[in-house]
Protein backbone atom coordinates (compact mmCIF):
# COMPACT_ATOMS: atom_id res chain seq x y z
CA MET A 1 -9.38 -101.45 34.83
CA SER A 2 -6.72 -98.82 34.16
CA GLU A 3 -6.64 -95.48 35.95
CA LEU A 4 -7.47 -93.74 32.65
CA SER A 5 -10.57 -95.89 32.16
CA LYS A 6 -11.75 -95.20 35.70
CA GLN A 7 -11.62 -91.47 34.99
CA GLY A 8 -13.50 -91.92 31.73
CA LEU A 9 -10.55 -90.74 29.62
CA THR A 10 -10.97 -91.83 26.04
CA ARG A 11 -8.17 -92.28 23.51
CA ARG A 12 -9.33 -89.12 21.70
CA ALA A 13 -9.26 -87.15 24.93
CA LEU A 14 -5.82 -88.45 25.82
CA LEU A 15 -4.47 -87.53 22.38
CA SER A 16 -6.10 -84.11 22.42
CA ARG A 17 -4.63 -83.42 25.88
CA ALA A 18 -1.20 -84.40 24.54
CA VAL A 19 -1.56 -81.90 21.70
CA ALA A 20 -2.69 -79.19 24.10
CA ALA A 21 0.17 -80.01 26.45
CA GLY A 22 2.74 -79.38 23.76
CA ALA A 23 2.90 -82.50 21.64
CA LEU A 24 3.36 -80.16 18.70
CA ALA A 25 6.77 -78.64 19.18
CA VAL A 26 8.27 -75.55 17.66
CA ALA A 27 11.36 -77.00 16.04
CA GLY A 28 12.93 -73.66 15.24
CA THR A 29 11.73 -70.35 14.01
CA GLY A 30 8.94 -70.97 11.55
CA PHE A 31 8.60 -74.73 12.05
CA ILE A 32 6.09 -76.89 13.86
CA ALA A 33 6.98 -80.57 14.17
CA ALA A 34 5.49 -83.71 15.56
CA PRO A 35 7.33 -85.03 18.63
CA ASP A 36 8.47 -88.09 16.67
CA ALA A 37 9.65 -85.84 13.79
CA ALA A 38 7.54 -87.87 11.37
CA TRP A 39 6.30 -84.61 9.87
CA ALA A 40 6.87 -80.91 10.15
CA VAL A 41 5.30 -77.84 8.63
CA GLU A 42 7.15 -74.65 7.84
CA VAL A 43 5.32 -71.39 8.36
CA THR A 44 6.30 -68.20 6.59
CA HIS A 45 3.38 -65.78 6.91
CA VAL A 46 1.48 -66.87 10.03
CA SER A 47 2.97 -67.48 13.47
CA GLU A 48 3.72 -70.89 14.94
CA HIS A 49 0.89 -70.34 17.44
CA GLN A 50 -1.54 -69.53 14.63
CA MET A 51 -0.53 -72.65 12.64
CA ALA A 52 -0.76 -74.87 15.74
CA THR A 53 -4.21 -73.39 16.41
CA LEU A 54 -5.30 -74.05 12.82
CA LEU A 55 -4.13 -77.65 13.16
CA GLN A 56 -6.08 -78.14 16.37
CA MET A 57 -9.14 -76.44 14.90
CA ALA A 58 -8.98 -78.77 11.88
CA ARG A 59 -8.84 -81.79 14.20
CA ASP A 60 -11.75 -80.49 16.25
CA ILE A 61 -13.92 -79.58 13.25
CA TYR A 62 -13.32 -82.89 11.44
CA PRO A 63 -12.17 -85.34 14.13
CA HIS A 64 -10.84 -88.66 12.86
CA ASP A 65 -8.74 -90.72 15.26
CA ARG A 66 -7.19 -92.73 12.43
CA VAL A 67 -6.14 -89.70 10.34
CA GLY A 68 -2.65 -88.51 11.24
CA ASP A 69 -1.77 -84.92 12.08
CA ARG A 70 0.36 -84.64 8.96
CA PHE A 71 -2.79 -84.81 6.80
CA TYR A 72 -4.37 -82.00 8.81
CA ALA A 73 -1.13 -80.01 8.44
CA ILE A 74 -1.33 -80.40 4.65
CA ALA A 75 -4.96 -79.31 4.75
CA VAL A 76 -4.28 -76.06 6.63
CA LYS A 77 -0.94 -75.21 5.02
CA SER A 78 -2.70 -73.10 2.37
CA TYR A 79 -3.69 -70.61 5.10
CA ASP A 80 0.00 -69.73 5.50
CA SER A 81 -0.03 -67.17 2.72
CA ALA A 82 0.28 -63.42 2.39
CA GLU A 83 -3.36 -63.29 1.22
CA GLN A 84 -4.63 -65.18 4.27
CA LYS A 85 -2.29 -63.69 6.89
CA ALA A 86 -4.62 -60.92 8.11
CA ALA A 87 -7.73 -63.11 8.11
CA VAL A 88 -5.93 -65.86 10.03
CA ALA A 89 -4.53 -63.40 12.58
CA GLU A 90 -7.96 -61.84 13.10
CA GLY A 91 -9.74 -65.20 13.29
CA ILE A 92 -7.25 -66.75 15.72
CA ALA A 93 -7.39 -63.61 17.88
CA ALA A 94 -11.19 -63.90 18.05
CA LEU A 95 -10.92 -67.60 18.85
CA ASP A 96 -8.36 -67.00 21.59
CA LYS A 97 -10.59 -64.23 23.01
CA ALA A 98 -13.51 -66.65 23.11
CA ALA A 99 -11.23 -69.12 24.91
CA LYS A 100 -10.22 -66.44 27.44
CA ASP A 101 -13.88 -65.63 28.01
CA ALA A 102 -14.35 -69.33 28.79
CA GLY A 103 -11.51 -69.25 31.33
CA PHE A 104 -8.55 -70.49 29.29
CA GLU A 105 -5.29 -68.80 28.33
CA ASP A 106 -6.03 -69.44 24.65
CA TYR A 107 -7.74 -72.03 22.44
CA LEU A 108 -4.82 -74.45 22.60
CA SER A 109 -4.81 -74.44 26.40
CA ALA A 110 -8.33 -75.88 26.52
CA GLY A 111 -7.26 -79.47 27.09
CA TRP A 112 -10.48 -81.32 26.42
CA GLU A 113 -12.13 -81.69 23.05
CA ASP A 114 -15.56 -80.81 24.49
CA GLU A 115 -14.17 -77.54 25.84
CA ARG A 116 -12.61 -76.62 22.49
CA VAL A 117 -15.79 -77.50 20.59
CA ALA A 118 -17.77 -75.23 22.92
CA ILE A 119 -15.31 -72.42 22.12
CA LEU A 120 -15.59 -73.12 18.39
CA ARG A 121 -19.37 -72.88 18.62
CA LYS A 122 -18.97 -69.28 19.79
CA ILE A 123 -17.29 -68.34 16.49
CA GLU A 124 -18.97 -70.78 14.11
CA GLU A 125 -20.98 -68.07 12.36
CA THR A 126 -17.89 -66.00 11.52
CA LYS A 127 -16.48 -65.81 8.02
CA PHE A 128 -13.14 -67.13 9.31
CA PHE A 129 -14.65 -70.30 10.75
CA GLN A 130 -16.86 -70.94 7.72
CA THR A 131 -13.91 -70.40 5.34
CA LEU A 132 -11.73 -72.81 7.31
CA ARG A 133 -14.50 -75.41 7.64
CA GLY A 134 -15.26 -75.27 3.92
CA GLY A 135 -11.61 -75.35 2.91
CA LEU A 136 -10.98 -78.39 5.07
CA VAL A 137 -13.54 -80.41 3.14
CA THR A 138 -11.34 -80.40 0.07
CA GLY A 139 -8.02 -79.82 1.81
CA LEU A 140 -8.39 -82.91 3.97
CA TYR A 141 -10.58 -85.29 2.03
CA ASN A 142 -9.00 -84.75 -1.42
CA GLN A 143 -5.71 -86.24 -0.24
CA LYS A 144 -5.40 -89.63 -1.91
CA GLU A 145 -3.35 -90.98 1.00
CA VAL A 146 -6.37 -90.45 3.29
CA TRP A 147 -8.87 -92.30 1.10
CA PRO A 148 -7.93 -95.86 2.18
CA ILE A 149 -8.49 -94.90 5.82
CA PHE A 150 -12.15 -94.32 4.96
CA GLY A 151 -12.41 -97.30 2.59
CA TYR A 152 -12.72 -95.10 -0.50
CA GLU A 153 -11.04 -96.52 -3.60
CA GLY A 154 -11.25 -93.35 -5.64
CA GLU A 155 -13.17 -92.65 -8.80
CA SER A 156 -14.60 -95.70 -10.51
CA PHE A 157 -14.89 -94.65 -14.17
CA SER A 158 -11.38 -95.77 -15.05
CA LYS A 159 -12.12 -99.14 -13.41
CA GLY A 160 -15.35 -99.79 -15.29
CA GLY A 161 -17.78 -98.00 -12.97
CA TYR A 162 -19.59 -99.14 -9.88
CA ILE A 163 -22.24 -101.32 -11.56
CA ASP A 164 -19.84 -104.21 -12.22
CA ARG A 165 -17.73 -103.64 -9.13
CA GLY A 166 -20.13 -104.56 -6.32
CA PHE A 167 -22.11 -101.39 -5.79
CA ASP A 168 -24.87 -103.56 -4.34
CA ALA A 169 -22.61 -105.71 -2.14
CA ILE A 170 -23.91 -104.23 1.08
CA ASP A 171 -23.28 -106.49 4.03
CA TRP A 172 -24.74 -104.17 6.64
CA LEU A 173 -28.25 -103.77 5.24
């Protein structure tokens, strides 16, 4: 049994600790990049800290181990706008304050997913949280590249509908 297994460290926890420990790197002013440089996001209106926090929030609100960070980055990129700048700054400030009240430097420094979820629960009734949560539904799940991860083939009308395509082929029932 590995040392990680003995401590009860799951893959999700390990990955979330890596993100909190700086796996997202600032690659220059206004850029956040993955450590393998497979993706990067440019920020123009919000700070790098705010964008990194939005990315982590998105992962914590809708956690999917098999969905890459680049899809979450696409989903939150729309919050990097002049119209959203003040709301994002205010919302992240409130989130970081809740994290400080819980004993952390800021939201990103809470290394465990359970700790971050507890912090999110403190702000879940705010307009900022509800706007982000609602926007992620379409921002994340409307990306066609994500659909195969969940086994979704897309709309069926153009393929003749579900009736003749095995809608009743349920092997788990």
